[in-house]
Amino acid sequence: DIKVERFSGESSARAEADKLWSCWVLYREGSTAYVEVSRGGFGAAHGKITQYVDAKLQAVKRVALKKEAMEMVAENGFTPDLKEELLELYTVHDQGGLPVDGFARRRFELLKVAKAAATANAWSAASVPLPKARTPRAWTAGKYLLVAGAADMKIQRFAREEAARAAAHRMWSCWILYHDEGDSFAELGRGGIGTTHSGLAQYVHGPLLNAKRAWLKQARAQEYKERLEAKERKEAEARLEAEDYELRA
């Protein structure tokens, strides 16, 4: 019969293994699989032990991982593409085609991307108010934008890059510094602690940039309208002056 014992520390597990005469295999339980640490004892049953672990313990772990994958998809706003890649990752790992460390690393990367996208979507859901004035301070107060935050996002504008960088260096949360170039934002640097940089960037190049371009379009249309009205007014004044001249003649 195969006996399975669990220990809180590796030293105590090894001490118990050293007391055995029969075959034994020591495993470390990782987040995604059971990893063999060492083996010993007398006999030829090591193969049966590893088969048992693969068929029983590893199978239970794989079922739990698949359930975890579905929960990750449901809780973290995975897009269809990310969901498909995540499930493919679990399938390949399940079939033994991906090492444990590679699986865990890629899984973490996908989760980080999904969380960043979910954060960006949450920020996108809050409408970006379009300034109504023709030259609103919201767009013209400074050419340097400091975008920062984790759960909440804050946007500050500065007239000088030095002032913007000084403010950024006082922050702990993720931040990205941009230069406002009219119809685009050029990144100048990023820093802070956390994983929301991609979410901040998605917001800036998505909703914020769309709002800026919408305002630019609105401002240009207003400027064209004013020029047209001025031209029409000038032409009307010229006609009135001509008519007045004819009446006097």
C-alpha atoms as a PDB file:
ATOM      1  CA  ASP A   1       0.000   0.000   0.000  1.00  0.00           C
ATOM      2  CA  ILE A   2       1.076   3.593  -0.666  1.00  0.00           C
ATOM      3  CA  LYS A   3       1.025   5.903   2.297  1.00  0.00           C
ATOM      4  CA  VAL A   4       0.957   9.689   2.006  1.00  0.00           C
ATOM      5  CA  GLU A   5       2.088  11.948   4.854  1.00  0.00           C
ATOM      6  CA  ARG A   6       2.217  15.721   4.948  1.00  0.00           C
ATOM      7  CA  PHE A   7       4.711  17.907   6.796  1.00  0.00           C
ATOM      8  CA  SER A   8       4.863  21.633   7.396  1.00  0.00           C
ATOM      9  CA  GLY A   9       8.633  21.771   6.868  1.00  0.00           C
ATOM     10  CA  GLU A  10      11.086  19.989   4.572  1.00  0.00           C
ATOM     11  CA  SER A  11      13.504  19.171   7.404  1.00  0.00           C
ATOM     12  CA  SER A  12      10.872  17.258   9.368  1.00  0.00           C
ATOM     13  CA  ALA A  13       9.811  15.391   6.201  1.00  0.00           C
ATOM     14  CA  ARG A  14      13.410  14.377   5.476  1.00  0.00           C
ATOM     15  CA  ALA A  15      13.921  13.270   9.082  1.00  0.00           C
ATOM     16  CA  GLU A  16      10.915  10.969   8.807  1.00  0.00           C
ATOM     17  CA  ALA A  17      12.082   9.656   5.407  1.00  0.00           C
ATOM     18  CA  ASP A  18      15.480   8.728   6.850  1.00  0.00           C
ATOM     19  CA  LYS A  19      13.731   6.355   9.255  1.00  0.00           C
ATOM     20  CA  LEU A  20      12.168   4.346   6.401  1.00  0.00           C
ATOM     21  CA  TRP A  21      13.547   1.181   4.827  1.00  0.00           C
ATOM     22  CA  SER A  22      10.938   0.952   2.069  1.00  0.00           C
ATOM     23  CA  CYS A  23      10.872   3.079  -1.066  1.00  0.00           C
ATOM     24  CA  TRP A  24       9.909   6.691  -0.576  1.00  0.00           C
ATOM     25  CA  VAL A  25       9.654   9.837  -2.695  1.00  0.00           C
ATOM     26  CA  LEU A  26       9.592  13.337  -1.206  1.00  0.00           C
ATOM     27  CA  TYR A  27       7.508  15.967  -2.995  1.00  0.00           C
ATOM     28  CA  ARG A  28       7.065  19.665  -2.525  1.00  0.00           C
ATOM     29  CA  GLU A  29       3.558  20.903  -3.210  1.00  0.00           C
ATOM     30  CA  GLY A  30       3.707  23.948  -5.448  1.00  0.00           C
ATOM     31  CA  SER A  31       0.885  26.205  -6.510  1.00  0.00           C
ATOM     32  CA  THR A  32       0.435  24.300  -9.772  1.00  0.00           C
ATOM     33  CA  ALA A  33       1.956  20.831  -9.255  1.00  0.00           C
ATOM     34  CA  TYR A  34       3.767  18.413  -6.954  1.00  0.00           C
ATOM     35  CA  VAL A  35       7.503  18.636  -7.587  1.00  0.00           C
ATOM     36  CA  GLU A  36       9.824  15.794  -6.654  1.00  0.00           C
ATOM     37  CA  VAL A  37      12.553  16.802  -4.207  1.00  0.00           C
ATOM     38  CA  SER A  38      14.314  13.500  -3.592  1.00  0.00           C
ATOM     39  CA  ARG A  39      13.820   9.730  -3.246  1.00  0.00           C
ATOM     40  CA  GLY A  40      15.329   6.859  -1.323  1.00  0.00           C
ATOM     41  CA  GLY A  41      14.773   3.569   0.482  1.00  0.00           C
ATOM     42  CA  PHE A  42      15.255  -0.007  -0.706  1.00  0.00           C
ATOM     43  CA  GLY A  43      13.207  -1.640  -3.459  1.00  0.00           C
ATOM     44  CA  ALA A  44      11.852  -1.002  -6.920  1.00  0.00           C
ATOM     45  CA  ALA A  45       8.565   0.717  -6.077  1.00  0.00           C
ATOM     46  CA  HIS A  46       9.619   4.267  -6.838  1.00  0.00           C
ATOM     47  CA  GLY A  47       7.907   4.082 -10.236  1.00  0.00           C
ATOM     48  CA  LYS A  48       4.628   2.990  -8.662  1.00  0.00           C
ATOM     49  CA  ILE A  49       4.825   5.880  -6.211  1.00  0.00           C
ATOM     50  CA  THR A  50       5.332   8.458  -8.980  1.00  0.00           C
ATOM     51  CA  GLN A  51       2.492   6.880 -11.003  1.00  0.00           C
ATOM     52  CA  TYR A  52       0.229   7.122  -7.967  1.00  0.00           C
ATOM     53  CA  VAL A  53       1.114  10.782  -7.415  1.00  0.00           C
ATOM     54  CA  ASP A  54       0.493  11.600 -11.090  1.00  0.00           C
ATOM     55  CA  ALA A  55      -2.801   9.671 -11.253  1.00  0.00           C
ATOM     56  CA  LYS A  56      -4.240  10.772  -7.919  1.00  0.00           C
ATOM     57  CA  LEU A  57      -2.675  13.864  -6.406  1.00  0.00           C
ATOM     58  CA  GLN A  58      -1.658  15.632  -9.605  1.00  0.00           C
ATOM     59  CA  ALA A  59      -5.092  14.937 -11.131  1.00  0.00           C
ATOM     60  CA  VAL A  60      -6.822  16.576  -8.170  1.00  0.00           C
ATOM     61  CA  LYS A  61      -4.444  19.526  -8.500  1.00  0.00           C
ATOM     62  CA  ARG A  62      -5.244  19.880 -12.224  1.00  0.00           C
ATOM     63  CA  VAL A  63      -9.009  19.879 -11.551  1.00  0.00           C
ATOM     64  CA  ALA A  64      -8.501  22.571  -8.925  1.00  0.00           C
ATOM     65  CA  LEU A  65      -6.397  24.605 -11.374  1.00  0.00           C
ATOM     66  CA  LYS A  66      -9.069  24.422 -14.079  1.00  0.00           C
ATOM     67  CA  LYS A  67     -11.662  25.588 -11.567  1.00  0.00           C
ATOM     68  CA  GLU A  68      -9.290  28.364 -10.574  1.00  0.00           C
ATOM     69  CA  ALA A  69      -8.921  29.335 -14.246  1.00  0.00           C
ATOM     70  CA  MET A  70     -12.675  29.735 -14.611  1.00  0.00           C
ATOM     71  CA  GLU A  71     -12.829  31.806 -11.435  1.00  0.00           C
ATOM     72  CA  MET A  72      -9.977  34.004 -12.703  1.00  0.00           C
ATOM     73  CA  VAL A  73     -11.840  34.589 -15.961  1.00  0.00           C
ATOM     74  CA  ALA A  74     -15.044  35.476 -14.110  1.00  0.00           C
ATOM     75  CA  GLU A  75     -13.446  37.767 -11.522  1.00  0.00           C
ATOM     76  CA  ASN A  76     -10.780  39.602 -13.499  1.00  0.00           C
ATOM     77  CA  GLY A  77     -12.496  40.661 -16.708  1.00  0.00           C
ATOM     78  CA  PHE A  78     -10.608  38.456 -19.168  1.00  0.00           C
ATOM     79  CA  THR A  79     -11.247  39.399 -22.780  1.00  0.00           C
ATOM     80  CA  PRO A  80     -12.147  36.529 -25.160  1.00  0.00           C
ATOM     81  CA  ASP A  81      -8.563  36.446 -26.485  1.00  0.00           C
ATOM     82  CA  LEU A  82      -7.046  36.343 -23.003  1.00  0.00           C
ATOM     83  CA  LYS A  83      -9.562  33.710 -21.903  1.00  0.00           C
ATOM     84  CA  GLU A  84      -8.676  31.512 -24.867  1.00  0.00           C
ATOM     85  CA  GLU A  85      -4.954  31.885 -24.177  1.00  0.00           C
ATOM     86  CA  LEU A  86      -5.422  31.115 -20.482  1.00  0.00           C
ATOM     87  CA  LEU A  87      -7.405  27.933 -21.173  1.00  0.00           C
ATOM     88  CA  GLU A  88      -4.840  26.863 -23.774  1.00  0.00           C
ATOM     89  CA  LEU A  89      -2.111  27.443 -21.200  1.00  0.00           C
ATOM     90  CA  TYR A  90      -3.870  25.168 -18.696  1.00  0.00           C
ATOM     91  CA  THR A  91      -4.444  22.525 -21.374  1.00  0.00           C
ATOM     92  CA  VAL A  92      -0.790  22.452 -22.438  1.00  0.00           C
ATOM     93  CA  HIS A  93       0.317  22.298 -18.820  1.00  0.00           C
ATOM     94  CA  ASP A  94      -2.196  19.534 -18.112  1.00  0.00           C
ATOM     95  CA  GLN A  95      -0.698  17.472 -20.940  1.00  0.00           C
ATOM     96  CA  GLY A  96       2.814  17.923 -19.573  1.00  0.00           C
ATOM     97  CA  GLY A  97       3.921  20.222 -22.369  1.00  0.00           C
ATOM     98  CA  LEU A  98       4.949  23.126 -20.164  1.00  0.00           C
ATOM     99  CA  PRO A  99       7.267  23.188 -17.115  1.00  0.00           C
ATOM    100  CA  VAL A 100       5.783  24.245 -13.804  1.00  0.00           C
ATOM    101  CA  ASP A 101       7.824  27.441 -13.562  1.00  0.00           C
ATOM    102  CA  GLY A 102       6.959  28.428 -17.142  1.00  0.00           C
ATOM    103  CA  PHE A 103       3.267  27.782 -16.514  1.00  0.00           C
ATOM    104  CA  ALA A 104       3.234  29.811 -13.292  1.00  0.00           C
ATOM    105  CA  ARG A 105       5.120  32.715 -14.902  1.00  0.00           C
ATOM    106  CA  ARG A 106       2.833  32.925 -17.938  1.00  0.00           C
ATOM    107  CA  ARG A 107      -0.272  32.533 -15.770  1.00  0.00           C
ATOM    108  CA  PHE A 108       0.872  35.467 -13.636  1.00  0.00           C
ATOM    109  CA  GLU A 109       1.534  37.578 -16.749  1.00  0.00           C
ATOM    110  CA  LEU A 110      -1.941  36.869 -18.156  1.00  0.00           C
ATOM    111  CA  LEU A 111      -3.559  37.680 -14.840  1.00  0.00           C
ATOM    112  CA  LYS A 112      -1.633  40.958 -14.648  1.00  0.00           C
ATOM    113  CA  VAL A 113      -2.711  41.914 -18.177  1.00  0.00           C
ATOM    114  CA  ALA A 114      -6.346  41.028 -17.405  1.00  0.00           C
ATOM    115  CA  LYS A 115      -6.351  43.057 -14.188  1.00  0.00           C
ATOM    116  CA  ALA A 116      -4.799  46.024 -15.952  1.00  0.00           C
ATOM    117  CA  ALA A 117      -7.425  45.797 -18.695  1.00  0.00           C
ATOM    118  CA  ALA A 118     -10.202  45.514 -16.092  1.00  0.00           C
ATOM    119  CA  THR A 119      -8.828  48.601 -14.327  1.00  0.00           C
ATOM    120  CA  ALA A 120      -8.700  50.508 -17.595  1.00  0.00           C
ATOM    121  CA  ASN A 121     -12.268  49.457 -18.398  1.00  0.00           C
ATOM    122  CA  ALA A 122     -13.406  50.639 -14.980  1.00  0.00           C
ATOM    123  CA  TRP A 123     -11.752  54.004 -15.575  1.00  0.00           C
ATOM    124  CA  SER A 124     -13.218  54.109 -19.083  1.00  0.00           C
ATOM    125  CA  ALA A 125     -16.707  53.576 -17.678  1.00  0.00           C
ATOM    126  CA  ALA A 126     -16.445  56.931 -15.908  1.00  0.00           C
ATOM    127  CA  SER A 127     -17.201  59.437 -18.639  1.00  0.00           C
ATOM    128  CA  VAL A 128     -14.504  61.969 -19.444  1.00  0.00           C
ATOM    129  CA  PRO A 129     -16.194  65.393 -19.353  1.00  0.00           C
ATOM    130  CA  LEU A 130     -15.497  67.454 -22.459  1.00  0.00           C
ATOM    131  CA  PRO A 131     -14.559  71.051 -21.655  1.00  0.00           C
ATOM    132  CA  LYS A 132     -17.132  73.494 -23.006  1.00  0.00           C
ATOM    133  CA  ALA A 133     -14.994  76.612 -23.182  1.00  0.00           C
ATOM    134  CA  ARG A 134     -13.137  77.201 -26.399  1.00  0.00           C
ATOM    135  CA  THR A 135      -9.745  77.220 -24.671  1.00  0.00           C
ATOM    136  CA  PRO A 136     -10.445  75.209 -21.507  1.00  0.00           C
ATOM    137  CA  ARG A 137      -7.908  75.080 -18.729  1.00  0.00           C
ATOM    138  CA  ALA A 138      -8.407  71.284 -18.610  1.00  0.00           C
ATOM    139  CA  TRP A 139      -6.531  70.977 -21.913  1.00  0.00           C
ATOM    140  CA  THR A 140      -4.299  74.039 -21.880  1.00  0.00           C
ATOM    141  CA  ALA A 141      -3.127  74.433 -18.257  1.00  0.00           C
ATOM    142  CA  GLY A 142       0.140  72.629 -18.975  1.00  0.00           C
ATOM    143  CA  LYS A 143       1.800  70.443 -21.580  1.00  0.00           C
ATOM    144  CA  TYR A 144       3.029  67.828 -19.091  1.00  0.00           C
ATOM    145  CA  LEU A 145       0.525  65.287 -17.768  1.00  0.00           C
ATOM    146  CA  LEU A 146       1.224  63.169 -14.689  1.00  0.00           C
ATOM    147  CA  VAL A 147      -1.192  60.234 -14.618  1.00  0.00           C
ATOM    148  CA  ALA A 148      -1.113  58.133 -11.449  1.00  0.00           C
ATOM    149  CA  GLY A 149      -3.163  55.769  -9.357  1.00  0.00           C
ATOM    150  CA  ALA A 150      -4.216  52.239  -8.496  1.00  0.00           C
ATOM    151  CA  ALA A 151      -7.907  51.875  -7.590  1.00  0.00           C
ATOM    152  CA  ASP A 152      -8.438  55.584  -8.296  1.00  0.00           C
ATOM    153  CA  MET A 153      -6.740  57.647 -10.959  1.00  0.00           C
ATOM    154  CA  LYS A 154      -5.479  61.195 -10.744  1.00  0.00           C
ATOM    155  CA  ILE A 155      -4.341  63.447 -13.608  1.00  0.00           C
ATOM    156  CA  GLN A 156      -2.214  66.517 -12.962  1.00  0.00           C
ATOM    157  CA  ARG A 157      -0.938  69.064 -15.487  1.00  0.00           C
ATOM    158  CA  PHE A 158       2.290  71.017 -15.230  1.00  0.00           C
ATOM    159  CA  ALA A 159       3.793  73.824 -17.286  1.00  0.00           C
ATOM    160  CA  ARG A 160       7.349  72.533 -16.735  1.00  0.00           C
ATOM    161  CA  GLU A 161       8.711  69.005 -16.978  1.00  0.00           C
ATOM    162  CA  GLU A 162      10.929  69.498 -13.900  1.00  0.00           C
ATOM    163  CA  ALA A 163       7.887  70.246 -11.731  1.00  0.00           C
ATOM    164  CA  ALA A 164       6.038  67.217 -13.085  1.00  0.00           C
ATOM    165  CA  ARG A 165       8.979  64.894 -12.383  1.00  0.00           C
ATOM    166  CA  ALA A 166       9.405  66.309  -8.881  1.00  0.00           C
ATOM    167  CA  ALA A 167       5.739  65.540  -8.139  1.00  0.00           C
ATOM    168  CA  ALA A 168       6.097  62.030  -9.606  1.00  0.00           C
ATOM    169  CA  HIS A 169       9.111  61.197  -7.441  1.00  0.00           C
ATOM    170  CA  ARG A 170       7.035  61.897  -4.325  1.00  0.00           C
ATOM    171  CA  MET A 171       4.549  59.160  -5.284  1.00  0.00           C
ATOM    172  CA  TRP A 172       4.450  55.522  -4.221  1.00  0.00           C
ATOM    173  CA  SER A 173       1.681  54.401  -6.573  1.00  0.00           C
ATOM    174  CA  CYS A 174       2.192  53.742 -10.281  1.00  0.00           C
ATOM    175  CA  TRP A 175       2.621  56.846 -12.417  1.00  0.00           C
ATOM    176  CA  ILE A 176       3.334  57.741 -16.043  1.00  0.00           C
ATOM    177  CA  LEU A 177       4.516  61.139 -17.278  1.00  0.00           C
ATOM    178  CA  TYR A 178       3.302  62.325 -20.702  1.00  0.00           C
ATOM    179  CA  HIS A 179       3.915  65.305 -22.961  1.00  0.00           C
ATOM    180  CA  ASP A 180       0.759  66.659 -24.576  1.00  0.00           C
ATOM    181  CA  GLU A 181       1.556  66.975 -28.291  1.00  0.00           C
ATOM    182  CA  GLY A 182      -1.843  68.120 -29.471  1.00  0.00           C
ATOM    183  CA  ASP A 183      -3.595  65.093 -30.898  1.00  0.00           C
ATOM    184  CA  SER A 184      -1.359  62.573 -29.098  1.00  0.00           C
ATOM    185  CA  PHE A 185       0.399  61.958 -25.783  1.00  0.00           C
ATOM    186  CA  ALA A 186       4.102  61.032 -25.759  1.00  0.00           C
ATOM    187  CA  GLU A 187       5.333  59.044 -22.763  1.00  0.00           C
ATOM    188  CA  LEU A 188       8.386  60.538 -21.034  1.00  0.00           C
ATOM    189  CA  GLY A 189       8.799  58.096 -18.149  1.00  0.00           C
ATOM    190  CA  ARG A 190       7.090  55.889 -15.595  1.00  0.00           C
ATOM    191  CA  GLY A 191       7.645  54.667 -12.056  1.00  0.00           C
ATOM    192  CA  GLY A 192       6.064  53.870  -8.718  1.00  0.00           C
ATOM    193  CA  ILE A 193       5.171  50.551  -7.127  1.00  0.00           C
ATOM    194  CA  GLY A 194       2.387  48.339  -8.477  1.00  0.00           C
ATOM    195  CA  THR A 195       1.039  46.687 -11.619  1.00  0.00           C
ATOM    196  CA  THR A 196      -1.329  49.325 -13.038  1.00  0.00           C
ATOM    197  CA  HIS A 197       1.042  50.983 -15.526  1.00  0.00           C
ATOM    198  CA  SER A 198      -0.579  49.231 -18.483  1.00  0.00           C
ATOM    199  CA  GLY A 199      -4.032  50.214 -17.201  1.00  0.00           C
ATOM    200  CA  LEU A 200      -2.964  53.847 -16.931  1.00  0.00           C
ATOM    201  CA  ALA A 201      -1.503  53.750 -20.438  1.00  0.00           C
ATOM    202  CA  GLN A 202      -4.654  52.155 -21.869  1.00  0.00           C
ATOM    203  CA  TYR A 203      -6.758  54.882 -20.284  1.00  0.00           C
ATOM    204  CA  VAL A 204      -4.549  57.700 -21.589  1.00  0.00           C
ATOM    205  CA  HIS A 205      -4.365  56.322 -25.140  1.00  0.00           C
ATOM    206  CA  GLY A 206      -8.044  55.347 -25.085  1.00  0.00           C
ATOM    207  CA  PRO A 207     -10.707  57.453 -23.326  1.00  0.00           C
ATOM    208  CA  LEU A 208      -8.484  60.437 -22.519  1.00  0.00           C
ATOM    209  CA  LEU A 209      -7.032  60.718 -26.024  1.00  0.00           C
ATOM    210  CA  ASN A 210     -10.483  60.245 -27.561  1.00  0.00           C
ATOM    211  CA  ALA A 211     -11.802  63.047 -25.344  1.00  0.00           C
ATOM    212  CA  LYS A 212      -8.885  65.300 -26.350  1.00  0.00           C
ATOM    213  CA  ARG A 213      -9.437  64.634 -30.057  1.00  0.00           C
ATOM    214  CA  ALA A 214     -13.160  65.225 -29.674  1.00  0.00           C
ATOM    215  CA  TRP A 215     -12.426  68.573 -28.024  1.00  0.00           C
ATOM    216  CA  LEU A 216      -9.912  69.469 -30.751  1.00  0.00           C
ATOM    217  CA  LYS A 217     -12.513  68.642 -33.399  1.00  0.00           C
ATOM    218  CA  GLN A 218     -15.080  70.701 -31.544  1.00  0.00           C
ATOM    219  CA  ALA A 219     -12.657  73.614 -31.099  1.00  0.00           C
ATOM    220  CA  ARG A 220     -11.632  73.547 -34.776  1.00  0.00           C
ATOM    221  CA  ALA A 221     -15.259  73.429 -35.858  1.00  0.00           C
ATOM    222  CA  GLN A 222     -16.040  76.371 -33.602  1.00  0.00           C
ATOM    223  CA  GLU A 223     -13.050  78.282 -34.945  1.00  0.00           C
ATOM    224  CA  TYR A 224     -14.128  77.580 -38.552  1.00  0.00           C
ATOM    225  CA  LYS A 225     -17.671  78.671 -37.712  1.00  0.00           C
ATOM    226  CA  GLU A 226     -16.419  81.910 -36.198  1.00  0.00           C
ATOM    227  CA  ARG A 227     -14.200  82.631 -39.212  1.00  0.00           C
ATOM    228  CA  LEU A 228     -17.105  81.921 -41.555  1.00  0.00           C
ATOM    229  CA  GLU A 229     -19.429  84.150 -39.555  1.00  0.00           C
ATOM    230  CA  ALA A 230     -16.801  86.906 -39.532  1.00  0.00           C
ATOM    231  CA  LYS A 231     -16.388  86.583 -43.307  1.00  0.00           C
ATOM    232  CA  GLU A 232     -20.155  86.651 -43.876  1.00  0.00           C
ATOM    233  CA  ARG A 233     -20.497  89.626 -41.536  1.00  0.00           C
ATOM    234  CA  LYS A 234     -17.764  91.492 -43.396  1.00  0.00           C
ATOM    235  CA  GLU A 235     -19.383  90.718 -46.750  1.00  0.00           C
ATOM    236  CA  ALA A 236     -22.775  91.832 -45.425  1.00  0.00           C
ATOM    237  CA  GLU A 237     -21.262  95.072 -44.156  1.00  0.00           C
ATOM    238  CA  ALA A 238     -19.659  95.637 -47.554  1.00  0.00           C
ATOM    239  CA  ARG A 239     -23.012  95.095 -49.302  1.00  0.00           C
ATOM    240  CA  LEU A 240     -24.780  97.487 -46.940  1.00  0.00           C
ATOM    241  CA  GLU A 241     -22.094 100.083 -47.482  1.00  0.00           C
ATOM    242  CA  ALA A 242     -22.453  99.672 -51.272  1.00  0.00           C
ATOM    243  CA  GLU A 243     -26.230  99.953 -51.084  1.00  0.00           C
ATOM    244  CA  ASP A 244     -25.921 103.028 -48.873  1.00  0.00           C
ATOM    245  CA  TYR A 245     -23.539 104.596 -51.377  1.00  0.00           C
ATOM    246  CA  GLU A 246     -25.995 103.961 -54.225  1.00  0.00           C
ATOM    247  CA  LEU A 247     -28.808 105.573 -52.246  1.00  0.00           C
ATOM    248  CA  ARG A 248     -26.713 108.646 -51.557  1.00  0.00           C
ATOM    249  CA  ALA A 249     -25.771 108.883 -55.241  1.00  0.00           C
END
